[in-house]
Amino acid sequence: MRIAVGADHAGVPLNETVIAELKKLGHEVVDCGTHDATKPDDYPDYAVLVASAVLNQGCERGILICGSGVGVSFAANKIRGIRAGLCHECYSAHQGVEHDDMNVICMGARAIGPELALDIVRVFLAAQFTHEERHVRRLAKIAMLEESRG
């Protein structure tokens, strides 16, 4: 699977761990940075890079990491076509894909440890959207919300 990964300065250590695991599992990684934890930067910039890779560069999924995971989640969900979820446990990581066709997970490097983060990533990547009528109907309503906002 082709996966876009990005993090701000607060997410660097976890970002490096996730990228190494993805490569070990045989995934193709589109690395959207950053790798310098000493230079403060802005998480929306990485949300845009990962979202662009998912929407325009053939990435099937995206992973975003900041200090809490909240900021990148807010930023990513402002981009039409991105369905990002904050996931700090495995249930949301698979259920978000199965029911909501989530295409980006967001995690907080200061909120969870690396082993849990890797479990979440594995579950997220293994999950598939069910295409059940009720889930498709709900996604259509979300698409209408995206179209209606100015």
N, C-alpha and C. Protein backbone atom coordinates (compact mmCIF):
# COMPACT_ATOMS: atom_id res chain seq x y z
N MET A 1 0.85 -1.17 0.00
CA MET A 1 0.00 0.00 0.00
C MET A 1 0.90 1.24 0.00
N ARG A 2 0.46 2.27 -0.68
CA ARG A 2 1.17 3.56 -0.72
C ARG A 2 0.56 4.47 0.34
N ILE A 3 1.38 4.92 1.28
CA ILE A 3 0.89 5.65 2.44
C ILE A 3 1.67 6.95 2.61
N ALA A 4 0.95 8.05 2.78
CA ALA A 4 1.57 9.34 3.07
C ALA A 4 1.67 9.52 4.58
N VAL A 5 2.82 9.98 5.04
CA VAL A 5 3.05 10.18 6.47
C VAL A 5 3.64 11.56 6.68
N GLY A 6 3.09 12.27 7.66
CA GLY A 6 3.63 13.59 7.98
C GLY A 6 3.45 13.93 9.44
N ALA A 7 4.36 14.77 9.93
CA ALA A 7 4.32 15.18 11.34
C ALA A 7 4.95 16.55 11.49
N ASP A 8 4.49 17.27 12.50
CA ASP A 8 5.16 18.51 12.86
C ASP A 8 6.32 18.18 13.81
N HIS A 9 6.97 19.22 14.34
CA HIS A 9 8.13 19.01 15.21
C HIS A 9 7.81 18.14 16.42
N ALA A 10 6.61 18.26 16.97
CA ALA A 10 6.24 17.48 18.16
C ALA A 10 6.06 16.00 17.85
N GLY A 11 5.81 15.70 16.60
CA GLY A 11 5.57 14.31 16.21
C GLY A 11 6.76 13.58 15.66
N VAL A 12 7.92 14.24 15.60
CA VAL A 12 9.08 13.65 14.93
C VAL A 12 9.47 12.26 15.45
N PRO A 13 9.67 12.06 16.73
CA PRO A 13 10.11 10.71 17.14
C PRO A 13 9.11 9.62 16.77
N LEU A 14 7.84 9.85 16.97
CA LEU A 14 6.83 8.85 16.61
C LEU A 14 6.75 8.70 15.10
N ASN A 15 6.88 9.79 14.38
CA ASN A 15 6.89 9.76 12.92
C ASN A 15 7.98 8.83 12.39
N GLU A 16 9.17 8.93 12.94
CA GLU A 16 10.28 8.09 12.50
C GLU A 16 9.98 6.62 12.78
N THR A 17 9.38 6.34 13.93
CA THR A 17 9.03 4.97 14.30
C THR A 17 7.98 4.40 13.35
N VAL A 18 6.97 5.20 13.03
CA VAL A 18 5.91 4.76 12.12
C VAL A 18 6.47 4.50 10.73
N ILE A 19 7.28 5.40 10.22
CA ILE A 19 7.86 5.23 8.88
C ILE A 19 8.69 3.95 8.82
N ALA A 20 9.50 3.71 9.82
CA ALA A 20 10.33 2.50 9.84
C ALA A 20 9.46 1.24 9.83
N GLU A 21 8.38 1.24 10.59
CA GLU A 21 7.49 0.07 10.64
C GLU A 21 6.78 -0.13 9.31
N LEU A 22 6.33 0.94 8.70
CA LEU A 22 5.65 0.82 7.41
C LEU A 22 6.57 0.21 6.36
N LYS A 23 7.79 0.66 6.33
CA LYS A 23 8.77 0.12 5.37
C LYS A 23 9.05 -1.35 5.67
N LYS A 24 9.18 -1.67 6.95
CA LYS A 24 9.42 -3.06 7.36
C LYS A 24 8.28 -3.96 6.92
N LEU A 25 7.05 -3.44 6.93
CA LEU A 25 5.88 -4.21 6.51
C LEU A 25 5.72 -4.25 4.99
N GLY A 26 6.59 -3.56 4.27
CA GLY A 26 6.57 -3.60 2.80
C GLY A 26 5.74 -2.54 2.13
N HIS A 27 5.31 -1.54 2.87
CA HIS A 27 4.52 -0.46 2.29
C HIS A 27 5.43 0.58 1.64
N GLU A 28 4.89 1.26 0.65
CA GLU A 28 5.60 2.38 0.04
C GLU A 28 5.22 3.64 0.82
N VAL A 29 6.20 4.36 1.31
CA VAL A 29 5.96 5.54 2.13
C VAL A 29 6.24 6.81 1.34
N VAL A 30 5.28 7.71 1.34
CA VAL A 30 5.48 9.06 0.83
C VAL A 30 5.72 9.91 2.07
N ASP A 31 6.95 10.30 2.27
CA ASP A 31 7.38 10.99 3.49
C ASP A 31 7.19 12.49 3.31
N CYS A 32 6.25 13.03 4.05
CA CYS A 32 5.93 14.46 3.95
C CYS A 32 6.63 15.28 5.03
N GLY A 33 7.55 14.67 5.79
CA GLY A 33 8.32 15.39 6.80
C GLY A 33 7.53 15.57 8.09
N THR A 34 8.02 16.29 8.97
CA THR A 34 9.34 16.84 9.14
C THR A 34 10.23 15.85 9.88
N HIS A 35 11.52 16.12 9.89
CA HIS A 35 12.46 15.26 10.58
C HIS A 35 13.34 16.05 11.53
N ASP A 36 12.98 17.29 11.78
CA ASP A 36 13.75 18.16 12.67
C ASP A 36 12.88 18.62 13.82
N ALA A 37 13.05 17.99 14.96
CA ALA A 37 12.24 18.31 16.14
C ALA A 37 12.69 19.61 16.80
N THR A 38 13.82 20.16 16.38
CA THR A 38 14.33 21.38 17.02
C THR A 38 13.77 22.65 16.41
N LYS A 39 13.15 22.55 15.25
CA LYS A 39 12.61 23.74 14.58
C LYS A 39 11.09 23.74 14.67
N PRO A 40 10.53 24.63 15.48
CA PRO A 40 9.07 24.70 15.54
C PRO A 40 8.49 25.01 14.16
N ASP A 41 7.40 24.35 13.84
CA ASP A 41 6.75 24.54 12.56
C ASP A 41 5.24 24.49 12.79
N ASP A 42 4.47 24.43 11.73
CA ASP A 42 3.01 24.53 11.83
C ASP A 42 2.35 23.27 11.29
N TYR A 43 1.58 22.60 12.14
CA TYR A 43 0.96 21.33 11.76
C TYR A 43 0.03 21.43 10.56
N PRO A 44 -0.66 22.56 10.29
CA PRO A 44 -1.51 22.58 9.09
C PRO A 44 -0.73 22.33 7.79
N ASP A 45 0.54 22.74 7.77
CA ASP A 45 1.36 22.54 6.58
C ASP A 45 1.51 21.05 6.26
N TYR A 46 1.67 20.23 7.28
CA TYR A 46 1.83 18.79 7.08
C TYR A 46 0.50 18.12 6.75
N ALA A 47 -0.57 18.67 7.31
CA ALA A 47 -1.91 18.15 6.96
C ALA A 47 -2.18 18.36 5.47
N VAL A 48 -1.80 19.50 4.95
CA VAL A 48 -1.99 19.79 3.52
C VAL A 48 -1.14 18.84 2.67
N LEU A 49 0.10 18.62 3.06
CA LEU A 49 0.98 17.73 2.29
C LEU A 49 0.46 16.30 2.26
N VAL A 50 0.04 15.79 3.40
CA VAL A 50 -0.49 14.42 3.45
C VAL A 50 -1.80 14.33 2.70
N ALA A 51 -2.69 15.30 2.88
CA ALA A 51 -3.97 15.30 2.17
C ALA A 51 -3.75 15.33 0.66
N SER A 52 -2.83 16.15 0.21
CA SER A 52 -2.53 16.23 -1.21
C SER A 52 -2.02 14.90 -1.74
N ALA A 53 -1.19 14.23 -0.97
CA ALA A 53 -0.66 12.93 -1.39
C ALA A 53 -1.78 11.90 -1.49
N VAL A 54 -2.74 11.95 -0.57
CA VAL A 54 -3.87 11.02 -0.59
C VAL A 54 -4.80 11.34 -1.76
N LEU A 55 -5.06 12.60 -1.99
CA LEU A 55 -6.03 12.99 -3.02
C LEU A 55 -5.44 13.03 -4.43
N ASN A 56 -4.14 13.34 -4.55
CA ASN A 56 -3.58 13.61 -5.88
C ASN A 56 -2.35 12.81 -6.26
N GLN A 57 -1.79 12.04 -5.34
CA GLN A 57 -0.54 11.36 -5.63
C GLN A 57 -0.62 9.85 -5.45
N GLY A 58 -1.82 9.32 -5.48
CA GLY A 58 -1.98 7.87 -5.45
C GLY A 58 -1.77 7.19 -4.12
N CYS A 59 -1.76 7.95 -3.04
CA CYS A 59 -1.66 7.32 -1.72
C CYS A 59 -3.05 6.83 -1.30
N GLU A 60 -3.09 5.61 -0.83
CA GLU A 60 -4.37 5.02 -0.42
C GLU A 60 -4.80 5.48 0.97
N ARG A 61 -3.83 5.80 1.82
CA ARG A 61 -4.11 6.25 3.18
C ARG A 61 -3.06 7.28 3.59
N GLY A 62 -3.40 8.00 4.68
CA GLY A 62 -2.46 8.97 5.23
C GLY A 62 -2.39 8.84 6.74
N ILE A 63 -1.25 9.23 7.28
CA ILE A 63 -1.02 9.23 8.72
C ILE A 63 -0.43 10.58 9.09
N LEU A 64 -1.05 11.25 10.07
CA LEU A 64 -0.57 12.54 10.54
C LEU A 64 -0.31 12.47 12.04
N ILE A 65 0.77 13.11 12.46
CA ILE A 65 1.17 13.10 13.86
C ILE A 65 1.56 14.51 14.30
N CYS A 66 0.99 14.94 15.41
CA CYS A 66 1.44 16.17 16.06
C CYS A 66 1.50 15.88 17.55
N GLY A 67 1.58 16.88 18.38
CA GLY A 67 1.69 16.65 19.81
C GLY A 67 0.48 15.92 20.39
N SER A 68 -0.71 16.44 20.09
CA SER A 68 -1.95 15.85 20.61
C SER A 68 -2.71 15.04 19.58
N GLY A 69 -2.48 15.31 18.30
CA GLY A 69 -3.26 14.71 17.23
C GLY A 69 -4.48 15.55 16.86
N VAL A 70 -4.87 16.43 17.76
CA VAL A 70 -6.08 17.25 17.55
C VAL A 70 -5.87 18.26 16.43
N GLY A 71 -4.76 18.98 16.46
CA GLY A 71 -4.52 20.02 15.46
C GLY A 71 -4.49 19.48 14.04
N VAL A 72 -3.75 18.39 13.82
CA VAL A 72 -3.68 17.84 12.47
C VAL A 72 -5.04 17.30 12.04
N SER A 73 -5.82 16.81 12.99
CA SER A 73 -7.17 16.33 12.67
C SER A 73 -8.05 17.49 12.20
N PHE A 74 -8.02 18.60 12.93
CA PHE A 74 -8.79 19.78 12.52
C PHE A 74 -8.39 20.22 11.13
N ALA A 75 -7.08 20.35 10.91
CA ALA A 75 -6.58 20.86 9.63
C ALA A 75 -6.93 19.92 8.48
N ALA A 76 -6.70 18.64 8.66
CA ALA A 76 -6.95 17.68 7.58
C ALA A 76 -8.43 17.65 7.19
N ASN A 77 -9.30 17.75 8.16
CA ASN A 77 -10.74 17.68 7.87
C ASN A 77 -11.29 18.93 7.19
N LYS A 78 -10.49 19.95 7.05
CA LYS A 78 -10.89 21.14 6.29
C LYS A 78 -10.71 20.93 4.79
N ILE A 79 -10.05 19.85 4.42
CA ILE A 79 -9.73 19.60 3.01
C ILE A 79 -10.75 18.63 2.43
N ARG A 80 -11.45 19.09 1.40
CA ARG A 80 -12.50 18.29 0.77
C ARG A 80 -11.95 16.95 0.31
N GLY A 81 -12.65 15.88 0.71
CA GLY A 81 -12.26 14.53 0.32
C GLY A 81 -11.45 13.80 1.37
N ILE A 82 -11.02 14.53 2.38
CA ILE A 82 -10.27 13.89 3.47
C ILE A 82 -11.24 13.59 4.61
N ARG A 83 -11.12 12.37 5.11
CA ARG A 83 -11.92 11.94 6.26
C ARG A 83 -10.91 11.45 7.29
N ALA A 84 -10.52 12.38 8.16
CA ALA A 84 -9.47 12.12 9.15
C ALA A 84 -10.09 11.89 10.51
N GLY A 85 -9.51 10.95 11.23
CA GLY A 85 -9.97 10.67 12.59
C GLY A 85 -8.82 10.62 13.56
N LEU A 86 -9.06 11.17 14.74
CA LEU A 86 -8.09 11.09 15.82
C LEU A 86 -8.22 9.70 16.44
N CYS A 87 -7.16 8.94 16.41
CA CYS A 87 -7.20 7.54 16.88
C CYS A 87 -6.10 7.30 17.91
N HIS A 88 -6.54 7.07 19.14
CA HIS A 88 -5.61 6.73 20.21
C HIS A 88 -5.90 5.35 20.78
N GLU A 89 -6.68 4.57 20.04
CA GLU A 89 -6.94 3.17 20.37
C GLU A 89 -7.34 2.46 19.08
N CYS A 90 -7.31 1.16 19.10
CA CYS A 90 -7.47 0.37 17.87
C CYS A 90 -8.89 0.32 17.34
N TYR A 91 -9.89 0.36 18.22
CA TYR A 91 -11.27 0.25 17.75
C TYR A 91 -11.59 1.35 16.74
N SER A 92 -11.29 2.60 17.08
CA SER A 92 -11.59 3.71 16.17
C SER A 92 -10.81 3.61 14.87
N ALA A 93 -9.61 3.05 14.94
CA ALA A 93 -8.77 2.93 13.75
C ALA A 93 -9.38 2.00 12.71
N HIS A 94 -10.00 0.90 13.15
CA HIS A 94 -10.62 0.02 12.15
C HIS A 94 -12.07 0.41 11.89
N GLN A 95 -12.81 0.79 12.91
CA GLN A 95 -14.21 1.17 12.71
C GLN A 95 -14.33 2.41 11.84
N GLY A 96 -13.39 3.35 11.99
CA GLY A 96 -13.42 4.56 11.17
C GLY A 96 -13.26 4.25 9.69
N VAL A 97 -12.51 3.24 9.36
CA VAL A 97 -12.36 2.82 7.96
C VAL A 97 -13.59 2.02 7.53
N GLU A 98 -13.98 1.04 8.34
CA GLU A 98 -15.07 0.14 7.97
C GLU A 98 -16.40 0.86 7.79
N HIS A 99 -16.71 1.81 8.65
CA HIS A 99 -18.00 2.50 8.60
C HIS A 99 -17.95 3.87 7.94
N ASP A 100 -16.83 4.56 8.07
CA ASP A 100 -16.76 5.96 7.63
C ASP A 100 -15.77 6.21 6.49
N ASP A 101 -15.17 5.15 5.98
CA ASP A 101 -14.20 5.25 4.89
C ASP A 101 -13.10 6.27 5.21
N MET A 102 -12.67 6.26 6.48
CA MET A 102 -11.62 7.16 6.94
C MET A 102 -10.36 6.89 6.10
N ASN A 103 -9.76 7.96 5.60
CA ASN A 103 -8.56 7.79 4.78
C ASN A 103 -7.29 8.37 5.40
N VAL A 104 -7.44 9.01 6.56
CA VAL A 104 -6.29 9.56 7.27
C VAL A 104 -6.49 9.33 8.77
N ILE A 105 -5.46 8.82 9.42
CA ILE A 105 -5.51 8.77 10.89
C ILE A 105 -4.59 9.84 11.44
N CYS A 106 -4.98 10.35 12.59
CA CYS A 106 -4.21 11.37 13.29
C CYS A 106 -3.90 10.84 14.68
N MET A 107 -2.66 11.03 15.10
CA MET A 107 -2.24 10.56 16.41
C MET A 107 -1.43 11.63 17.12
N GLY A 108 -1.47 11.59 18.43
CA GLY A 108 -0.71 12.52 19.25
C GLY A 108 0.51 11.85 19.85
N ALA A 109 1.68 12.33 19.47
CA ALA A 109 2.93 11.75 19.96
C ALA A 109 3.10 11.94 21.46
N ARG A 110 2.44 12.95 22.01
CA ARG A 110 2.53 13.19 23.45
C ARG A 110 1.38 12.51 24.20
N ALA A 111 0.51 11.83 23.47
CA ALA A 111 -0.66 11.20 24.08
C ALA A 111 -0.56 9.68 24.15
N ILE A 112 0.17 9.09 23.21
CA ILE A 112 0.29 7.62 23.17
C ILE A 112 1.74 7.23 22.96
N GLY A 113 2.05 6.01 23.33
CA GLY A 113 3.40 5.49 23.15
C GLY A 113 3.58 4.84 21.80
N PRO A 114 4.81 4.53 21.46
CA PRO A 114 5.10 3.99 20.14
C PRO A 114 4.49 2.62 19.87
N GLU A 115 4.43 1.74 20.83
CA GLU A 115 3.87 0.41 20.58
C GLU A 115 2.37 0.49 20.28
N LEU A 116 1.65 1.28 21.05
CA LEU A 116 0.22 1.46 20.77
C LEU A 116 0.04 2.12 19.41
N ALA A 117 0.85 3.12 19.11
CA ALA A 117 0.76 3.79 17.81
C ALA A 117 0.94 2.80 16.66
N LEU A 118 1.91 1.90 16.78
CA LEU A 118 2.14 0.92 15.73
C LEU A 118 0.97 -0.06 15.61
N ASP A 119 0.39 -0.45 16.74
CA ASP A 119 -0.81 -1.31 16.69
C ASP A 119 -1.94 -0.60 15.96
N ILE A 120 -2.13 0.68 16.27
CA ILE A 120 -3.18 1.48 15.63
C ILE A 120 -2.95 1.56 14.13
N VAL A 121 -1.72 1.81 13.73
CA VAL A 121 -1.39 1.90 12.30
C VAL A 121 -1.68 0.58 11.60
N ARG A 122 -1.27 -0.53 12.19
CA ARG A 122 -1.50 -1.84 11.57
C ARG A 122 -3.00 -2.10 11.40
N VAL A 123 -3.78 -1.81 12.41
CA VAL A 123 -5.23 -2.03 12.36
C VAL A 123 -5.86 -1.12 11.29
N PHE A 124 -5.45 0.13 11.26
CA PHE A 124 -5.95 1.09 10.27
C PHE A 124 -5.68 0.60 8.85
N LEU A 125 -4.49 0.13 8.60
CA LEU A 125 -4.13 -0.30 7.25
C LEU A 125 -4.80 -1.61 6.84
N ALA A 126 -5.13 -2.45 7.80
CA ALA A 126 -5.78 -3.73 7.49
C ALA A 126 -7.28 -3.58 7.26
N ALA A 127 -7.87 -2.52 7.75
CA ALA A 127 -9.33 -2.34 7.66
C ALA A 127 -9.76 -1.96 6.25
N GLN A 128 -10.98 -2.36 5.91
CA GLN A 128 -11.57 -2.04 4.60
C GLN A 128 -12.98 -1.49 4.80
N PHE A 129 -13.35 -0.52 3.97
CA PHE A 129 -14.70 0.04 4.01
C PHE A 129 -15.70 -1.05 3.62
N THR A 130 -16.81 -1.13 4.35
CA THR A 130 -17.78 -2.21 4.13
C THR A 130 -18.71 -1.99 2.94
N HIS A 131 -18.92 -0.77 2.54
CA HIS A 131 -19.84 -0.40 1.46
C HIS A 131 -21.30 -0.74 1.80
N GLU A 132 -21.60 -0.93 3.07
CA GLU A 132 -22.99 -1.16 3.46
C GLU A 132 -23.80 0.09 3.14
N GLU A 133 -25.06 -0.11 2.77
CA GLU A 133 -25.93 0.98 2.33
C GLU A 133 -25.98 2.11 3.35
N ARG A 134 -26.11 1.79 4.62
CA ARG A 134 -26.22 2.84 5.64
C ARG A 134 -24.94 3.67 5.72
N HIS A 135 -23.79 3.06 5.51
CA HIS A 135 -22.54 3.80 5.56
C HIS A 135 -22.35 4.65 4.31
N VAL A 136 -22.73 4.12 3.17
CA VAL A 136 -22.67 4.88 1.92
C VAL A 136 -23.61 6.09 2.00
N ARG A 137 -24.80 5.88 2.56
CA ARG A 137 -25.78 6.97 2.71
C ARG A 137 -25.19 8.09 3.59
N ARG A 138 -24.56 7.72 4.66
CA ARG A 138 -23.99 8.72 5.57
C ARG A 138 -22.83 9.47 4.93
N LEU A 139 -22.02 8.77 4.17
CA LEU A 139 -20.93 9.44 3.47
C LEU A 139 -21.45 10.42 2.42
N ALA A 140 -22.56 10.07 1.79
CA ALA A 140 -23.17 10.99 0.83
C ALA A 140 -23.61 12.28 1.53
N LYS A 141 -24.11 12.16 2.73
CA LYS A 141 -24.51 13.35 3.49
C LYS A 141 -23.29 14.19 3.86
N ILE A 142 -22.18 13.54 4.18
CA ILE A 142 -20.96 14.28 4.48
C ILE A 142 -20.47 15.01 3.23
N ALA A 143 -20.56 14.35 2.08
CA ALA A 143 -20.16 14.99 0.82
C ALA A 143 -21.04 16.21 0.54
N MET A 144 -22.31 16.11 0.87
CA MET A 144 -23.21 17.27 0.69
C MET A 144 -22.80 18.41 1.63
N LEU A 145 -22.39 18.10 2.83
CA LEU A 145 -21.92 19.13 3.74
C LEU A 145 -20.67 19.82 3.19
N GLU A 146 -19.76 19.04 2.62
CA GLU A 146 -18.56 19.62 2.02
C GLU A 146 -18.91 20.56 0.89
N GLU A 147 -19.88 20.17 0.08
CA GLU A 147 -20.28 20.98 -1.07
C GLU A 147 -20.98 22.26 -0.64
N SER A 148 -21.70 22.22 0.48
CA SER A 148 -22.53 23.35 0.89
C SER A 148 -21.77 24.41 1.67
N ARG A 149 -20.60 24.07 2.17
CA ARG A 149 -19.91 25.09 2.96
C ARG A 149 -19.13 26.04 2.06
N GLY A 150 -19.12 27.29 2.47
CA GLY A 150 -18.52 28.31 1.64
C GLY A 150 -17.25 28.75 2.10
